[in-house]
C-alpha atoms as a PDB file:
ATOM      1  CA  MET A   1     -72.450 345.583 -81.746  1.00  0.00           C
ATOM      2  CA  ILE A   2     -74.445 343.710 -78.946  1.00  0.00           C
ATOM      3  CA  ILE A   3     -76.067 339.995 -80.144  1.00  0.00           C
ATOM      4  CA  GLN A   4     -79.148 338.946 -78.625  1.00  0.00           C
ATOM      5  CA  ILE A   5     -80.786 335.539 -78.726  1.00  0.00           C
ATOM      6  CA  THR A   6     -83.747 335.907 -80.629  1.00  0.00           C
ATOM      7  CA  ALA A   7     -85.096 332.272 -80.744  1.00  0.00           C
ATOM      8  CA  HIS A   8     -84.022 329.113 -78.897  1.00  0.00           C
ATOM      9  CA  PRO A   9     -83.668 326.216 -80.613  1.00  0.00           C
ATOM     10  CA  LYS A  10     -86.417 323.453 -80.813  1.00  0.00           C
ATOM     11  CA  LEU A  11     -86.222 320.169 -79.446  1.00  0.00           C
ATOM     12  CA  PHE A  12     -88.958 317.589 -80.644  1.00  0.00           C
ATOM     13  CA  ILE A  13     -88.580 314.336 -78.800  1.00  0.00           C
ATOM     14  CA  GLY A  14     -90.759 311.379 -80.223  1.00  0.00           C
ATOM     15  CA  ILE A  15     -91.557 308.971 -77.300  1.00  0.00           C
ATOM     16  CA  ASP A  16     -93.521 305.284 -78.140  1.00  0.00           C
ATOM     17  CA  ILE A  17     -94.193 304.301 -73.949  1.00  0.00           C
ATOM     18  CA  HIS A  18     -94.464 300.775 -72.746  1.00  0.00           C
ATOM     19  CA  LYS A  19     -94.675 299.353 -69.509  1.00  0.00           C
ATOM     20  CA  ARG A  20     -91.350 298.026 -69.134  1.00  0.00           C
ATOM     21  CA  SER A  21     -88.675 300.686 -71.423  1.00  0.00           C
ATOM     22  CA  TRP A  22     -89.474 303.192 -73.991  1.00  0.00           C
ATOM     23  CA  LYS A  23     -88.005 304.268 -77.185  1.00  0.00           C
ATOM     24  CA  ILE A  24     -87.234 307.740 -77.546  1.00  0.00           C
ATOM     25  CA  HIS A  25     -86.391 309.820 -80.779  1.00  0.00           C
ATOM     26  CA  CYS A  26     -84.861 313.630 -80.786  1.00  0.00           C
ATOM     27  CA  ALA A  27     -84.522 315.927 -83.629  1.00  0.00           C
ATOM     28  CA  THR A  28     -84.243 319.709 -83.979  1.00  0.00           C
ATOM     29  CA  ASP A  29     -84.267 321.857 -86.344  1.00  0.00           C
ATOM     30  CA  LEU A  30     -80.877 320.753 -86.939  1.00  0.00           C
ATOM     31  CA  PHE A  31     -80.324 316.985 -86.863  1.00  0.00           C
ATOM     32  CA  SER A  32     -82.346 314.383 -86.163  1.00  0.00           C
ATOM     33  CA  GLY A  33     -80.571 311.479 -83.713  1.00  0.00           C
ATOM     34  CA  LYS A  34     -80.830 307.667 -83.526  1.00  0.00           C
ATOM     35  CA  PRO A  35     -83.194 306.391 -81.289  1.00  0.00           C
ATOM     36  CA  PHE A  36     -82.052 304.988 -78.166  1.00  0.00           C
ATOM     37  CA  SER A  37     -84.301 303.403 -75.397  1.00  0.00           C
ATOM     38  CA  MET A  38     -84.369 304.051 -71.732  1.00  0.00           C
ATOM     39  CA  SER A  39     -86.070 303.155 -68.436  1.00  0.00           C
ATOM     40  CA  PRO A  40     -90.263 304.187 -68.358  1.00  0.00           C
ATOM     41  CA  ASN A  41     -89.128 307.377 -65.873  1.00  0.00           C
ATOM     42  CA  PRO A  42     -90.135 311.032 -66.558  1.00  0.00           C
ATOM     43  CA  GLU A  43     -87.226 312.192 -64.749  1.00  0.00           C
ATOM     44  CA  GLN A  44     -84.790 310.048 -66.353  1.00  0.00           C
ATOM     45  CA  LEU A  45     -85.724 312.141 -69.602  1.00  0.00           C
ATOM     46  CA  ARG A  46     -85.337 315.482 -68.216  1.00  0.00           C
ATOM     47  CA  VAL A  47     -82.017 314.815 -66.770  1.00  0.00           C
ATOM     48  CA  TYR A  48     -81.067 313.093 -70.888  1.00  0.00           C
ATOM     49  CA  VAL A  49     -82.282 316.285 -72.194  1.00  0.00           C
ATOM     50  CA  SER A  50     -80.560 318.602 -69.030  1.00  0.00           C
ATOM     51  CA  LYS A  51     -77.449 317.081 -69.373  1.00  0.00           C
ATOM     52  CA  HIS A  52     -76.832 316.874 -73.539  1.00  0.00           C
ATOM     53  CA  LEU A  53     -79.622 318.990 -75.452  1.00  0.00           C
ATOM     54  CA  SER A  54     -80.437 322.068 -72.322  1.00  0.00           C
ATOM     55  CA  GLY A  55     -80.765 325.230 -73.752  1.00  0.00           C
ATOM     56  CA  HIS A  56     -83.569 323.934 -75.954  1.00  0.00           C
ATOM     57  CA  GLU A  57     -87.470 324.129 -76.124  1.00  0.00           C
ATOM     58  CA  VAL A  58     -89.262 320.945 -75.523  1.00  0.00           C
ATOM     59  CA  THR A  59     -91.719 319.431 -77.279  1.00  0.00           C
ATOM     60  CA  THR A  60     -92.861 316.036 -76.581  1.00  0.00           C
ATOM     61  CA  ALA A  61     -95.212 313.749 -78.015  1.00  0.00           C
ATOM     62  CA  TYR A  62     -96.801 310.078 -77.307  1.00  0.00           C
ATOM     63  CA  GLU A  63     -99.442 307.566 -78.456  1.00  0.00           C
ATOM     64  CA  ALA A  64    -102.420 307.531 -76.060  1.00  0.00           C
ATOM     65  CA  GLY A  65    -102.816 304.015 -74.750  1.00  0.00           C
ATOM     66  CA  CYS A  66    -102.891 302.052 -71.643  1.00  0.00           C
ATOM     67  CA  CYS A  67     -99.921 304.083 -69.996  1.00  0.00           C
ATOM     68  CA  GLY A  68    -102.541 307.059 -69.292  1.00  0.00           C
ATOM     69  CA  TYR A  69    -101.304 310.449 -69.197  1.00  0.00           C
ATOM     70  CA  TYR A  70     -98.642 310.216 -66.213  1.00  0.00           C
ATOM     71  CA  ALA A  71     -95.762 310.948 -67.934  1.00  0.00           C
ATOM     72  CA  HIS A  72     -97.934 314.264 -70.037  1.00  0.00           C
ATOM     73  CA  ARG A  73     -98.209 315.794 -66.549  1.00  0.00           C
ATOM     74  CA  CYS A  74     -94.300 314.930 -65.953  1.00  0.00           C
ATOM     75  CA  PHE A  75     -93.343 316.659 -69.044  1.00  0.00           C
ATOM     76  CA  GLU A  76     -95.628 319.904 -68.637  1.00  0.00           C
ATOM     77  CA  SER A  77     -94.708 320.038 -64.989  1.00  0.00           C
ATOM     78  CA  TYR A  78     -90.996 320.556 -66.274  1.00  0.00           C
ATOM     79  CA  GLY A  79     -92.116 323.413 -68.485  1.00  0.00           C
ATOM     80  CA  TRP A  80     -92.375 321.525 -71.715  1.00  0.00           C
ATOM     81  CA  ARG A  81     -94.956 321.348 -74.298  1.00  0.00           C
ATOM     82  CA  SER A  82     -96.698 317.614 -74.591  1.00  0.00           C
ATOM     83  CA  LEU A  83     -98.899 316.252 -76.748  1.00  0.00           C
ATOM     84  CA  VAL A  84    -100.927 312.761 -76.155  1.00  0.00           C
ATOM     85  CA  VAL A  85    -101.817 311.668 -79.881  1.00  0.00           C
ATOM     86  CA  ASN A  86    -103.949 309.255 -81.129  1.00  0.00           C
ATOM     87  CA  PRO A  87    -102.328 306.755 -83.438  1.00  0.00           C
ATOM     88  CA  ALA A  88    -104.574 306.995 -86.137  1.00  0.00           C
ATOM     89  CA  ASP A  89    -103.364 310.713 -87.031  1.00  0.00           C
ATOM     90  CA  ILE A  90     -99.656 309.841 -87.175  1.00  0.00           C
ATOM     91  CA  HIS A  91     -98.794 309.872 -90.776  1.00  0.00           C
ATOM     92  CA  ARG A  92     -97.086 306.442 -92.424  1.00  0.00           C
ATOM     93  CA  LYS A  93     -95.786 306.907 -96.090  1.00  0.00           C
ATOM     94  CA  GLY A  94     -94.968 303.888 -98.359  1.00  0.00           C
ATOM     95  CA  LYS A  95     -93.441 300.883 -96.695  1.00  0.00           C
ATOM     96  CA  GLU A  96     -94.311 302.885 -93.044  1.00  0.00           C
ATOM     97  CA  ARG A  97     -97.684 301.805 -93.190  1.00  0.00           C
ATOM     98  CA  HIS A  98     -96.354 297.887 -93.298  1.00  0.00           C
ATOM     99  CA  THR A  99     -93.767 298.150 -90.881  1.00  0.00           C
ATOM    100  CA  LYS A 100     -94.044 298.308 -86.928  1.00  0.00           C
ATOM    101  CA  THR A 101     -91.262 298.644 -84.617  1.00  0.00           C
ATOM    102  CA  ASP A 102     -90.911 300.937 -81.408  1.00  0.00           C
ATOM    103  CA  LYS A 103     -88.017 302.348 -82.869  1.00  0.00           C
ATOM    104  CA  ILE A 104     -89.845 303.656 -86.016  1.00  0.00           C
ATOM    105  CA  ASP A 105     -92.660 304.539 -84.045  1.00  0.00           C
ATOM    106  CA  ALA A 106     -90.612 306.961 -82.608  1.00  0.00           C
ATOM    107  CA  GLN A 107     -88.981 307.917 -85.550  1.00  0.00           C
ATOM    108  CA  LEU A 108     -92.402 308.782 -87.082  1.00  0.00           C
ATOM    109  CA  ILE A 109     -93.806 310.809 -84.291  1.00  0.00           C
ATOM    110  CA  ALA A 110     -90.842 313.079 -83.564  1.00  0.00           C
ATOM    111  CA  ARG A 111     -90.722 313.558 -87.162  1.00  0.00           C
ATOM    112  CA  GLU A 112     -94.571 314.724 -87.592  1.00  0.00           C
ATOM    113  CA  LEU A 113     -94.258 316.676 -84.275  1.00  0.00           C
ATOM    114  CA  LYS A 114     -91.504 318.571 -86.037  1.00  0.00           C
ATOM    115  CA  ASP A 115     -93.132 319.452 -89.479  1.00  0.00           C
ATOM    116  CA  GLY A 116     -96.446 320.241 -87.117  1.00  0.00           C
ATOM    117  CA  ARG A 117     -98.942 317.484 -88.561  1.00  0.00           C
ATOM    118  CA  LEU A 118     -99.667 316.693 -85.191  1.00  0.00           C
ATOM    119  CA  GLU A 119    -102.509 317.937 -82.376  1.00  0.00           C
ATOM    120  CA  SER A 120    -102.699 316.434 -79.319  1.00  0.00           C
ATOM    121  CA  ILE A 121    -106.562 315.027 -78.082  1.00  0.00           C
ATOM    122  CA  VAL A 122    -108.629 316.478 -74.851  1.00  0.00           C
ATOM    123  CA  VAL A 123    -106.151 315.506 -72.158  1.00  0.00           C
ATOM    124  CA  PRO A 124    -109.081 315.187 -68.394  1.00  0.00           C
ATOM    125  CA  ASP A 125    -107.803 316.678 -65.558  1.00  0.00           C
ATOM    126  CA  ILE A 126    -106.981 313.874 -62.704  1.00  0.00           C
ATOM    127  CA  GLU A 127    -110.201 313.956 -61.097  1.00  0.00           C
ATOM    128  CA  ARG A 128    -112.212 313.708 -64.555  1.00  0.00           C
ATOM    129  CA  GLU A 129    -110.235 310.633 -65.093  1.00  0.00           C
ATOM    130  CA  GLN A 130    -110.442 308.996 -62.329  1.00  0.00           C
ATOM    131  CA  LEU A 131    -114.527 309.542 -62.191  1.00  0.00           C
ATOM    132  CA  ARG A 132    -113.908 307.739 -65.584  1.00  0.00           C
ATOM    133  CA  SER A 133    -112.211 304.685 -64.369  1.00  0.00           C
ATOM    134  CA  LEU A 134    -115.050 304.034 -62.044  1.00  0.00           C
ATOM    135  CA  PHE A 135    -117.475 304.493 -64.899  1.00  0.00           C
ATOM    136  CA  LYS A 136    -115.728 302.165 -66.841  1.00  0.00           C
ATOM    137  CA  ARG A 137    -115.347 299.877 -64.236  1.00  0.00           C
ATOM    138  CA  ARG A 138    -118.987 299.990 -63.838  1.00  0.00           C
ATOM    139  CA  ASN A 139    -118.862 299.401 -68.215  1.00  0.00           C
ATOM    140  CA  ASP A 140    -116.624 295.528 -66.737  1.00  0.00           C
ATOM    141  CA  LEU A 141    -119.519 294.276 -64.117  1.00  0.00           C
ATOM    142  CA  VAL A 142    -122.614 295.142 -66.780  1.00  0.00           C
ATOM    143  CA  LYS A 143    -120.425 292.822 -69.478  1.00  0.00           C
ATOM    144  CA  ASP A 144    -119.795 290.531 -66.682  1.00  0.00           C
ATOM    145  CA  PHE A 145    -123.300 290.376 -65.721  1.00  0.00           C
ATOM    146  CA  CYS A 146    -124.886 289.741 -68.998  1.00  0.00           C
ATOM    147  CA  ARG A 147    -122.087 287.506 -69.429  1.00  0.00           C
ATOM    148  CA  ILE A 148    -122.687 285.057 -66.145  1.00  0.00           C
ATOM    149  CA  LYS A 149    -126.517 285.257 -67.413  1.00  0.00           C
ATOM    150  CA  SER A 150    -125.964 283.550 -70.797  1.00  0.00           C
ATOM    151  CA  TYR A 151    -123.596 280.833 -68.938  1.00  0.00           C
ATOM    152  CA  ILE A 152    -126.059 280.018 -67.194  1.00  0.00           C
ATOM    153  CA  LYS A 153    -128.986 279.679 -69.575  1.00  0.00           C
ATOM    154  CA  ILE A 154    -126.872 278.562 -71.599  1.00  0.00           C
ATOM    155  CA  GLN A 155    -126.723 275.346 -69.423  1.00  0.00           C
ATOM    156  CA  LEU A 156    -130.243 275.416 -68.745  1.00  0.00           C
ATOM    157  CA  LEU A 157    -130.468 274.688 -73.149  1.00  0.00           C
ATOM    158  CA  TYR A 158    -127.545 272.162 -72.872  1.00  0.00           C
ATOM    159  CA  PHE A 159    -129.081 270.096 -70.274  1.00  0.00           C
ATOM    160  CA  GLY A 160    -132.767 270.326 -71.943  1.00  0.00           C
ATOM    161  CA  ILE A 161    -134.199 271.897 -69.339  1.00  0.00           C
ATOM    162  CA  LYS A 162    -137.796 274.257 -69.961  1.00  0.00           C
ATOM    163  CA  GLU A 163    -137.988 277.461 -67.896  1.00  0.00           C
ATOM    164  CA  PRO A 164    -141.459 278.067 -66.698  1.00  0.00           C
ATOM    165  CA  GLU A 165    -143.231 280.540 -68.576  1.00  0.00           C
ATOM    166  CA  GLU A 166    -143.508 283.336 -66.249  1.00  0.00           C
ATOM    167  CA  PHE A 167    -139.578 283.395 -65.965  1.00  0.00           C
ATOM    168  CA  ASP A 168    -139.337 282.903 -69.869  1.00  0.00           C
ATOM    169  CA  ASN A 169    -137.833 286.566 -70.199  1.00  0.00           C
ATOM    170  CA  ASP A 170    -134.954 288.794 -69.198  1.00  0.00           C
ATOM    171  CA  HIS A 171    -135.884 289.895 -65.588  1.00  0.00           C
ATOM    172  CA  TRP A 172    -134.289 287.207 -63.311  1.00  0.00           C
ATOM    173  CA  SER A 173    -137.116 288.205 -59.657  1.00  0.00           C
ATOM    174  CA  HIS A 174    -136.531 286.714 -56.910  1.00  0.00           C
ATOM    175  CA  LYS A 175    -138.827 283.799 -57.456  1.00  0.00           C
ATOM    176  CA  TYR A 176    -136.737 282.778 -60.678  1.00  0.00           C
ATOM    177  CA  ARG A 177    -133.220 283.046 -58.847  1.00  0.00           C
ATOM    178  CA  LYS A 178    -135.289 280.905 -56.151  1.00  0.00           C
ATOM    179  CA  TRP A 179    -136.212 278.382 -58.696  1.00  0.00           C
ATOM    180  CA  LEU A 180    -132.428 277.969 -60.028  1.00  0.00           C
ATOM    181  CA  ASP A 181    -131.293 277.615 -56.350  1.00  0.00           C
ATOM    182  CA  ASP A 182    -133.936 274.549 -55.515  1.00  0.00           C
ATOM    183  CA  MET A 183    -133.031 273.087 -59.360  1.00  0.00           C
ATOM    184  CA  VAL A 184    -132.207 269.314 -58.631  1.00  0.00           C
ATOM    185  CA  PHE A 185    -130.205 267.280 -61.534  1.00  0.00           C
ATOM    186  CA  THR A 186    -129.334 263.074 -61.492  1.00  0.00           C
ATOM    187  CA  HIS A 187    -125.685 263.781 -60.749  1.00  0.00           C
ATOM    188  CA  PRO A 188    -124.370 266.314 -58.138  1.00  0.00           C
ATOM    189  CA  THR A 189    -121.242 267.858 -60.084  1.00  0.00           C
ATOM    190  CA  ALA A 190    -123.958 269.650 -62.807  1.00  0.00           C
ATOM    191  CA  LYS A 191    -125.174 271.054 -59.549  1.00  0.00           C
ATOM    192  CA  ALA A 192    -122.430 272.177 -58.638  1.00  0.00           C
ATOM    193  CA  THR A 193    -121.698 274.347 -61.897  1.00  0.00           C
ATOM    194  CA  LEU A 194    -125.159 275.194 -61.549  1.00  0.00           C
ATOM    195  CA  ASP A 195    -124.121 276.863 -57.738  1.00  0.00           C
ATOM    196  CA  SER A 196    -120.907 278.330 -58.787  1.00  0.00           C
ATOM    197  CA  ARG A 197    -122.262 280.265 -61.429  1.00  0.00           C
ATOM    198  CA  MET A 198    -125.068 281.481 -59.383  1.00  0.00           C
ATOM    199  CA  ARG A 199    -122.314 282.274 -56.464  1.00  0.00           C
ATOM    200  CA  PHE A 200    -120.710 284.419 -59.297  1.00  0.00           C
ATOM    201  CA  PHE A 201    -123.889 285.823 -60.691  1.00  0.00           C
ATOM    202  CA  ARG A 202    -124.841 287.254 -56.537  1.00  0.00           C
ATOM    203  CA  PHE A 203    -121.157 288.483 -56.588  1.00  0.00           C
ATOM    204  CA  VAL A 204    -121.691 290.970 -59.716  1.00  0.00           C
ATOM    205  CA  ASP A 205    -125.064 291.704 -59.170  1.00  0.00           C
ATOM    206  CA  GLN A 206    -123.855 293.654 -56.134  1.00  0.00           C
ATOM    207  CA  GLU A 207    -121.416 294.674 -57.491  1.00  0.00           C
ATOM    208  CA  LEU A 208    -122.738 296.180 -60.262  1.00  0.00           C
ATOM    209  CA  ARG A 209    -125.434 297.865 -57.579  1.00  0.00           C
ATOM    210  CA  ASP A 210    -122.677 299.215 -55.461  1.00  0.00           C
ATOM    211  CA  VAL A 211    -120.509 301.032 -57.728  1.00  0.00           C
ATOM    212  CA  SER A 212    -123.493 302.118 -59.820  1.00  0.00           C
ATOM    213  CA  THR A 213    -124.519 303.673 -56.043  1.00  0.00           C
ATOM    214  CA  GLN A 214    -121.103 305.271 -55.761  1.00  0.00           C
ATOM    215  CA  LEU A 215    -121.084 306.818 -59.277  1.00  0.00           C
ATOM    216  CA  ARG A 216    -123.983 307.922 -59.091  1.00  0.00           C
ATOM    217  CA  ARG A 217    -123.793 309.976 -55.737  1.00  0.00           C
ATOM    218  CA  TYR A 218    -119.772 310.694 -56.790  1.00  0.00           C
ATOM    219  CA  CYS A 219    -121.716 312.808 -59.776  1.00  0.00           C
ATOM    220  CA  LYS A 220    -124.641 314.355 -57.401  1.00  0.00           C
ATOM    221  CA  THR A 221    -122.125 316.111 -55.106  1.00  0.00           C
ATOM    222  CA  HIS A 222    -119.245 317.379 -57.246  1.00  0.00           C
ATOM    223  CA  TYR A 223    -121.336 317.706 -60.252  1.00  0.00           C
ATOM    224  CA  LYS A 224    -124.560 318.485 -58.668  1.00  0.00           C
ATOM    225  CA  LYS A 225    -125.604 321.682 -61.146  1.00  0.00           C
ATOM    226  CA  ASP A 226    -124.087 319.876 -64.284  1.00  0.00           C
ATOM    227  CA  TYR A 227    -125.628 316.401 -63.237  1.00  0.00           C
ATOM    228  CA  MET A 228    -129.457 317.839 -62.110  1.00  0.00           C
ATOM    229  CA  LEU A 229    -129.413 319.780 -65.336  1.00  0.00           C
ATOM    230  CA  LEU A 230    -128.785 316.488 -67.460  1.00  0.00           C
ATOM    231  CA  ARG A 231    -131.168 314.405 -65.043  1.00  0.00           C
ATOM    232  CA  SER A 232    -134.199 316.897 -66.043  1.00  0.00           C
ATOM    233  CA  ILE A 233    -133.645 315.909 -69.990  1.00  0.00           C
ATOM    234  CA  PRO A 234    -136.415 313.612 -71.285  1.00  0.00           C
ATOM    235  CA  GLY A 235    -134.828 310.135 -71.437  1.00  0.00           C
ATOM    236  CA  ILE A 236    -131.706 311.067 -69.284  1.00  0.00           C
ATOM    237  CA  GLY A 237    -131.629 308.822 -66.745  1.00  0.00           C
ATOM    238  CA  ALA A 238    -128.742 308.878 -63.426  1.00  0.00           C
ATOM    239  CA  ILE A 239    -126.386 306.352 -64.896  1.00  0.00           C
ATOM    240  CA  VAL A 240    -126.646 308.229 -68.884  1.00  0.00           C
ATOM    241  CA  ALA A 241    -126.225 311.474 -67.187  1.00  0.00           C
ATOM    242  CA  CYS A 242    -122.786 310.150 -65.003  1.00  0.00           C
ATOM    243  CA  GLY A 243    -121.766 309.176 -67.731  1.00  0.00           C
ATOM    244  CA  ILE A 244    -121.796 312.096 -70.140  1.00  0.00           C
ATOM    245  CA  LEU A 245    -120.032 313.903 -67.210  1.00  0.00           C
END
C-alpha cells in the first residue's frame, strides 16, 4: 500500500502586536497551545515556526493599528497566508467583551482565525500607503492651521481687542496679518505671545502650502490619467482628487 499525504496540517497564529513585544498564540486543528511573548521581529517568529511547527500551512492574523503592514508583508514573503483584521470584527463572547489583555486578544484572534470567521481589510501597496502618509500629513497641518488661527482670535477676544470690520472674516489677507504684526499692547509680554503665535502661524501656513504642492505634483505625475479624470468631475478639486486616489 502506498500512503500519500493529501493534506498538510494547518497552523493558525494569532498575534497581538505592540511596539516593544508581541503576544503569540499558536493553534492547529488538533491542539491549542499557550500564548507566549517574543520581540517584535517577524523573522524570529519564522525561526520559531520552522523549529517547532515545521510542515504546517501557516496563517497569521493581527489587528490593524499603529504598527502598519510591515509584519504582514514579511509573513507573505515567507509563503504564509496573512490577514490584517479590523479589531471590531473579532467576535467576543460573554466575559471576553469586558476583559481585554494581550494574552486574551492573541487567543481570540487565533480562535476566530481557526474557525474561519476573520476577513482581512484591504492592504494597500507600499507606494499607495506612503502616498497616504503624505495626505495624512496635510490633514494634520490643516488641523494645526485652524488651531493656531483660533488661538490668535482668542487672544484678541481675551484682551478686548476688536478687529476692523474689513478683517472680520475667515480670510487672513496680508493686510490683516500686517495689522496683527503692528499691534501694540500695554506690556511687552502679550506682544511676545502674539508674535510667537504669528511665527507659528506662518510656519504652518508655509508647510501646508509646500505639502499640498508636493501632493498635487506627485498625483499628477504618477496617477495622471486617474487624477485628470477625477479633476474633470464638477466639484472635484486637486486636493479632493488626491484624497480619492
